[in-house]
Amino acid sequence: IIDLTEGGDTMTNEEKILLAIYEESQKEKPDMGREITTAKLDMDTNTFNVAIKKLSDEGLIKGANIVQSGDRVVAVFTKDITITDAGKERASKLQK
């Protein structure tokens, strides 16, 4: 097993978000809309939006409301996000 966190913060933005979603989903009353945000994850909006779309496209999360203009993601609403079984499996490997 390779420890992705060894020697500094080397997780991708997608992995950081997936792990945050996974951890939030484990809570008794998850609040994705409040906890999965650009501010809480320290990312700019575009980086965050693209990462959420990628996680959704890869089938690791579902329920993200992604607003696009052409190929560009212009907004993402996280309130209804849930993590899929594949997402849970990936996230559990990311945990220390």
N, C-alpha and C. Protein backbone atom coordinates (compact mmCIF):
# COMPACT_ATOMS: atom_id res chain seq x y z
N ILE A 1 0.85 -1.20 0.00
CA ILE A 1 0.00 0.00 0.00
C ILE A 1 0.88 1.24 0.00
N ILE A 2 0.58 2.15 -0.90
CA ILE A 2 1.33 3.39 -0.99
C ILE A 2 0.60 4.46 -0.17
N ASP A 3 1.31 5.10 0.73
CA ASP A 3 0.73 6.16 1.53
C ASP A 3 0.85 7.47 0.76
N LEU A 4 -0.28 7.93 0.22
CA LEU A 4 -0.28 9.13 -0.61
C LEU A 4 -0.01 10.40 0.19
N THR A 5 -0.14 10.33 1.50
CA THR A 5 0.04 11.53 2.31
C THR A 5 1.47 11.66 2.84
N GLU A 6 2.28 10.65 2.60
CA GLU A 6 3.65 10.67 3.12
C GLU A 6 4.47 11.77 2.45
N GLY A 7 5.26 12.47 3.24
CA GLY A 7 6.14 13.49 2.68
C GLY A 7 5.40 14.69 2.14
N GLY A 8 4.30 15.05 2.79
CA GLY A 8 3.58 16.25 2.35
C GLY A 8 2.21 15.90 1.80
N ASP A 9 1.54 16.91 1.36
CA ASP A 9 0.16 16.77 0.89
C ASP A 9 0.17 16.50 -0.61
N THR A 10 0.06 15.24 -0.99
CA THR A 10 0.15 14.90 -2.41
C THR A 10 -1.17 14.36 -2.97
N MET A 11 -2.24 14.49 -2.20
CA MET A 11 -3.54 14.04 -2.71
C MET A 11 -4.01 14.99 -3.80
N THR A 12 -4.69 14.44 -4.79
CA THR A 12 -5.27 15.29 -5.83
C THR A 12 -6.49 16.01 -5.27
N ASN A 13 -6.95 17.03 -5.96
CA ASN A 13 -8.16 17.74 -5.53
C ASN A 13 -9.36 16.81 -5.49
N GLU A 14 -9.45 15.91 -6.48
CA GLU A 14 -10.56 14.95 -6.50
C GLU A 14 -10.52 14.07 -5.26
N GLU A 15 -9.32 13.62 -4.90
CA GLU A 15 -9.18 12.75 -3.72
C GLU A 15 -9.54 13.49 -2.43
N LYS A 16 -9.13 14.75 -2.33
CA LYS A 16 -9.46 15.55 -1.14
C LYS A 16 -10.97 15.69 -1.00
N ILE A 17 -11.63 15.98 -2.11
CA ILE A 17 -13.09 16.15 -2.08
C ILE A 17 -13.78 14.82 -1.78
N LEU A 18 -13.33 13.76 -2.43
CA LEU A 18 -13.92 12.44 -2.20
C LEU A 18 -13.80 12.03 -0.74
N LEU A 19 -12.65 12.26 -0.16
CA LEU A 19 -12.43 11.92 1.24
C LEU A 19 -13.34 12.75 2.15
N ALA A 20 -13.48 14.03 1.84
CA ALA A 20 -14.37 14.90 2.63
C ALA A 20 -15.82 14.43 2.52
N ILE A 21 -16.24 14.04 1.32
CA ILE A 21 -17.61 13.53 1.12
C ILE A 21 -17.79 12.23 1.89
N TYR A 22 -16.79 11.36 1.81
CA TYR A 22 -16.84 10.08 2.53
C TYR A 22 -16.97 10.32 4.03
N GLU A 23 -16.12 11.19 4.56
CA GLU A 23 -16.15 11.46 6.00
C GLU A 23 -17.48 12.09 6.42
N GLU A 24 -17.99 13.00 5.59
CA GLU A 24 -19.29 13.62 5.90
C GLU A 24 -20.41 12.58 5.84
N SER A 25 -20.34 11.65 4.90
CA SER A 25 -21.39 10.64 4.76
C SER A 25 -21.43 9.68 5.95
N GLN A 26 -20.34 9.61 6.70
CA GLN A 26 -20.28 8.73 7.87
C GLN A 26 -20.97 9.34 9.09
N LYS A 27 -21.25 10.64 9.04
CA LYS A 27 -21.86 11.32 10.18
C LYS A 27 -23.33 10.94 10.32
N GLU A 28 -23.85 11.13 11.52
CA GLU A 28 -25.24 10.78 11.79
C GLU A 28 -26.19 11.63 10.94
N LYS A 29 -25.87 12.92 10.81
CA LYS A 29 -26.69 13.82 9.98
C LYS A 29 -25.79 14.56 9.01
N PRO A 30 -25.43 13.91 7.91
CA PRO A 30 -24.54 14.57 6.94
C PRO A 30 -25.17 15.82 6.34
N ASP A 31 -24.37 16.85 6.12
CA ASP A 31 -24.84 18.08 5.49
C ASP A 31 -23.84 18.45 4.40
N MET A 32 -24.00 17.82 3.25
CA MET A 32 -23.05 18.02 2.14
C MET A 32 -23.00 19.48 1.69
N GLY A 33 -24.17 20.12 1.63
CA GLY A 33 -24.24 21.49 1.17
C GLY A 33 -23.44 22.45 2.04
N ARG A 34 -23.36 22.15 3.33
CA ARG A 34 -22.65 23.03 4.26
C ARG A 34 -21.18 22.65 4.37
N GLU A 35 -20.88 21.37 4.27
CA GLU A 35 -19.51 20.90 4.53
C GLU A 35 -18.65 20.75 3.28
N ILE A 36 -19.26 20.47 2.14
CA ILE A 36 -18.49 20.26 0.90
C ILE A 36 -18.54 21.56 0.10
N THR A 37 -17.62 22.47 0.45
CA THR A 37 -17.59 23.79 -0.17
C THR A 37 -16.16 24.16 -0.54
N THR A 38 -16.04 25.16 -1.39
CA THR A 38 -14.70 25.62 -1.78
C THR A 38 -13.95 26.15 -0.58
N ALA A 39 -14.65 26.87 0.30
CA ALA A 39 -13.99 27.46 1.48
C ALA A 39 -13.48 26.37 2.43
N LYS A 40 -14.33 25.39 2.72
CA LYS A 40 -13.94 24.33 3.67
C LYS A 40 -12.79 23.48 3.12
N LEU A 41 -12.74 23.34 1.80
CA LEU A 41 -11.71 22.50 1.18
C LEU A 41 -10.54 23.32 0.62
N ASP A 42 -10.60 24.63 0.82
CA ASP A 42 -9.53 25.54 0.42
C ASP A 42 -9.16 25.38 -1.06
N MET A 43 -10.18 25.51 -1.92
CA MET A 43 -9.97 25.41 -3.37
C MET A 43 -10.67 26.56 -4.05
N ASP A 44 -10.15 26.98 -5.20
CA ASP A 44 -10.88 27.99 -5.95
C ASP A 44 -12.08 27.32 -6.62
N THR A 45 -13.04 28.13 -6.98
CA THR A 45 -14.31 27.62 -7.50
C THR A 45 -14.14 26.74 -8.72
N ASN A 46 -13.35 27.17 -9.68
CA ASN A 46 -13.19 26.39 -10.90
C ASN A 46 -12.56 25.03 -10.63
N THR A 47 -11.52 24.99 -9.82
CA THR A 47 -10.85 23.73 -9.46
C THR A 47 -11.85 22.78 -8.79
N PHE A 48 -12.61 23.32 -7.85
CA PHE A 48 -13.61 22.55 -7.11
C PHE A 48 -14.67 22.00 -8.06
N ASN A 49 -15.22 22.87 -8.93
CA ASN A 49 -16.28 22.45 -9.86
C ASN A 49 -15.81 21.34 -10.79
N VAL A 50 -14.61 21.50 -11.34
CA VAL A 50 -14.07 20.50 -12.26
C VAL A 50 -13.86 19.17 -11.54
N ALA A 51 -13.36 19.23 -10.30
CA ALA A 51 -13.11 18.02 -9.52
C ALA A 51 -14.42 17.29 -9.20
N ILE A 52 -15.46 18.04 -8.83
CA ILE A 52 -16.77 17.43 -8.55
C ILE A 52 -17.31 16.74 -9.81
N LYS A 53 -17.20 17.42 -10.95
CA LYS A 53 -17.68 16.83 -12.21
C LYS A 53 -16.91 15.54 -12.52
N LYS A 54 -15.60 15.57 -12.31
CA LYS A 54 -14.78 14.39 -12.58
C LYS A 54 -15.20 13.22 -11.68
N LEU A 55 -15.40 13.49 -10.39
CA LEU A 55 -15.83 12.45 -9.46
C LEU A 55 -17.19 11.88 -9.89
N SER A 56 -18.07 12.76 -10.33
CA SER A 56 -19.39 12.33 -10.78
C SER A 56 -19.28 11.50 -12.07
N ASP A 57 -18.48 11.98 -13.02
CA ASP A 57 -18.28 11.25 -14.28
C ASP A 57 -17.67 9.87 -14.05
N GLU A 58 -16.80 9.77 -13.03
CA GLU A 58 -16.14 8.49 -12.73
C GLU A 58 -17.03 7.56 -11.91
N GLY A 59 -18.22 8.04 -11.53
CA GLY A 59 -19.16 7.21 -10.78
C GLY A 59 -18.80 7.03 -9.33
N LEU A 60 -17.97 7.93 -8.79
CA LEU A 60 -17.57 7.83 -7.38
C LEU A 60 -18.55 8.57 -6.47
N ILE A 61 -19.25 9.55 -7.04
CA ILE A 61 -20.32 10.25 -6.31
C ILE A 61 -21.51 10.37 -7.25
N LYS A 62 -22.68 10.63 -6.66
CA LYS A 62 -23.87 10.92 -7.46
C LYS A 62 -24.67 12.00 -6.76
N GLY A 63 -25.58 12.60 -7.51
CA GLY A 63 -26.45 13.62 -6.92
C GLY A 63 -25.92 15.04 -6.99
N ALA A 64 -24.72 15.22 -7.53
CA ALA A 64 -24.19 16.58 -7.68
C ALA A 64 -24.99 17.27 -8.78
N ASN A 65 -25.44 18.49 -8.50
CA ASN A 65 -26.15 19.27 -9.51
C ASN A 65 -25.11 20.14 -10.20
N ILE A 66 -24.72 19.75 -11.41
CA ILE A 66 -23.63 20.39 -12.15
C ILE A 66 -24.23 21.22 -13.28
N VAL A 67 -23.94 22.52 -13.26
CA VAL A 67 -24.44 23.43 -14.29
C VAL A 67 -23.29 23.71 -15.25
N GLN A 68 -23.54 23.44 -16.54
CA GLN A 68 -22.49 23.63 -17.54
C GLN A 68 -22.94 24.61 -18.62
N SER A 69 -21.94 25.28 -19.18
CA SER A 69 -22.15 26.11 -20.36
C SER A 69 -21.16 25.59 -21.39
N GLY A 70 -21.66 24.86 -22.36
CA GLY A 70 -20.76 24.18 -23.28
C GLY A 70 -19.98 23.12 -22.51
N ASP A 71 -18.66 23.16 -22.62
CA ASP A 71 -17.81 22.20 -21.89
C ASP A 71 -17.41 22.72 -20.52
N ARG A 72 -17.77 23.96 -20.21
CA ARG A 72 -17.31 24.58 -18.98
C ARG A 72 -18.31 24.37 -17.84
N VAL A 73 -17.81 23.98 -16.68
CA VAL A 73 -18.65 23.85 -15.50
C VAL A 73 -18.75 25.24 -14.87
N VAL A 74 -19.97 25.77 -14.78
CA VAL A 74 -20.13 27.12 -14.24
C VAL A 74 -20.60 27.14 -12.78
N ALA A 75 -21.22 26.07 -12.34
CA ALA A 75 -21.65 25.99 -10.95
C ALA A 75 -21.88 24.53 -10.55
N VAL A 76 -21.70 24.28 -9.25
CA VAL A 76 -21.95 22.95 -8.71
C VAL A 76 -22.69 23.12 -7.39
N PHE A 77 -23.76 22.36 -7.23
CA PHE A 77 -24.51 22.36 -5.98
C PHE A 77 -24.31 21.00 -5.32
N THR A 78 -23.83 21.02 -4.09
CA THR A 78 -23.40 19.78 -3.42
C THR A 78 -24.41 19.21 -2.44
N LYS A 79 -25.53 19.89 -2.24
CA LYS A 79 -26.49 19.51 -1.21
C LYS A 79 -26.93 18.05 -1.29
N ASP A 80 -27.14 17.54 -2.50
CA ASP A 80 -27.72 16.20 -2.67
C ASP A 80 -26.69 15.13 -3.03
N ILE A 81 -25.41 15.44 -2.83
CA ILE A 81 -24.36 14.47 -3.17
C ILE A 81 -24.41 13.27 -2.23
N THR A 82 -24.27 12.09 -2.83
CA THR A 82 -24.04 10.87 -2.04
C THR A 82 -22.83 10.17 -2.65
N ILE A 83 -22.20 9.35 -1.86
CA ILE A 83 -21.01 8.63 -2.32
C ILE A 83 -21.45 7.23 -2.74
N THR A 84 -20.92 6.77 -3.85
CA THR A 84 -21.28 5.43 -4.34
C THR A 84 -20.40 4.39 -3.65
N ASP A 85 -20.72 3.12 -3.86
CA ASP A 85 -19.89 2.06 -3.28
C ASP A 85 -18.46 2.15 -3.79
N ALA A 86 -18.31 2.44 -5.09
CA ALA A 86 -16.96 2.58 -5.66
C ALA A 86 -16.24 3.76 -5.01
N GLY A 87 -16.99 4.83 -4.75
CA GLY A 87 -16.41 6.00 -4.08
C GLY A 87 -15.98 5.68 -2.67
N LYS A 88 -16.80 4.91 -1.95
CA LYS A 88 -16.46 4.51 -0.58
C LYS A 88 -15.18 3.68 -0.57
N GLU A 89 -15.09 2.77 -1.53
CA GLU A 89 -13.91 1.91 -1.61
C GLU A 89 -12.65 2.73 -1.86
N ARG A 90 -12.73 3.67 -2.80
CA ARG A 90 -11.58 4.53 -3.12
C ARG A 90 -11.21 5.40 -1.92
N ALA A 91 -12.24 6.00 -1.28
CA ALA A 91 -12.00 6.90 -0.14
C ALA A 91 -11.37 6.16 1.03
N SER A 92 -11.82 4.93 1.27
CA SER A 92 -11.29 4.18 2.42
C SER A 92 -9.79 3.90 2.23
N LYS A 93 -9.36 3.79 0.98
CA LYS A 93 -7.93 3.58 0.71
C LYS A 93 -7.12 4.86 0.91
N LEU A 94 -7.79 6.00 0.85
CA LEU A 94 -7.10 7.29 1.01
C LEU A 94 -6.90 7.66 2.48
N GLN A 95 -7.72 7.08 3.34
CA GLN A 95 -7.61 7.40 4.75
C GLN A 95 -6.31 6.89 5.32
N LYS A 96 -5.78 7.67 6.25
CA LYS A 96 -4.50 7.28 6.89
C LYS A 96 -4.71 6.05 7.75
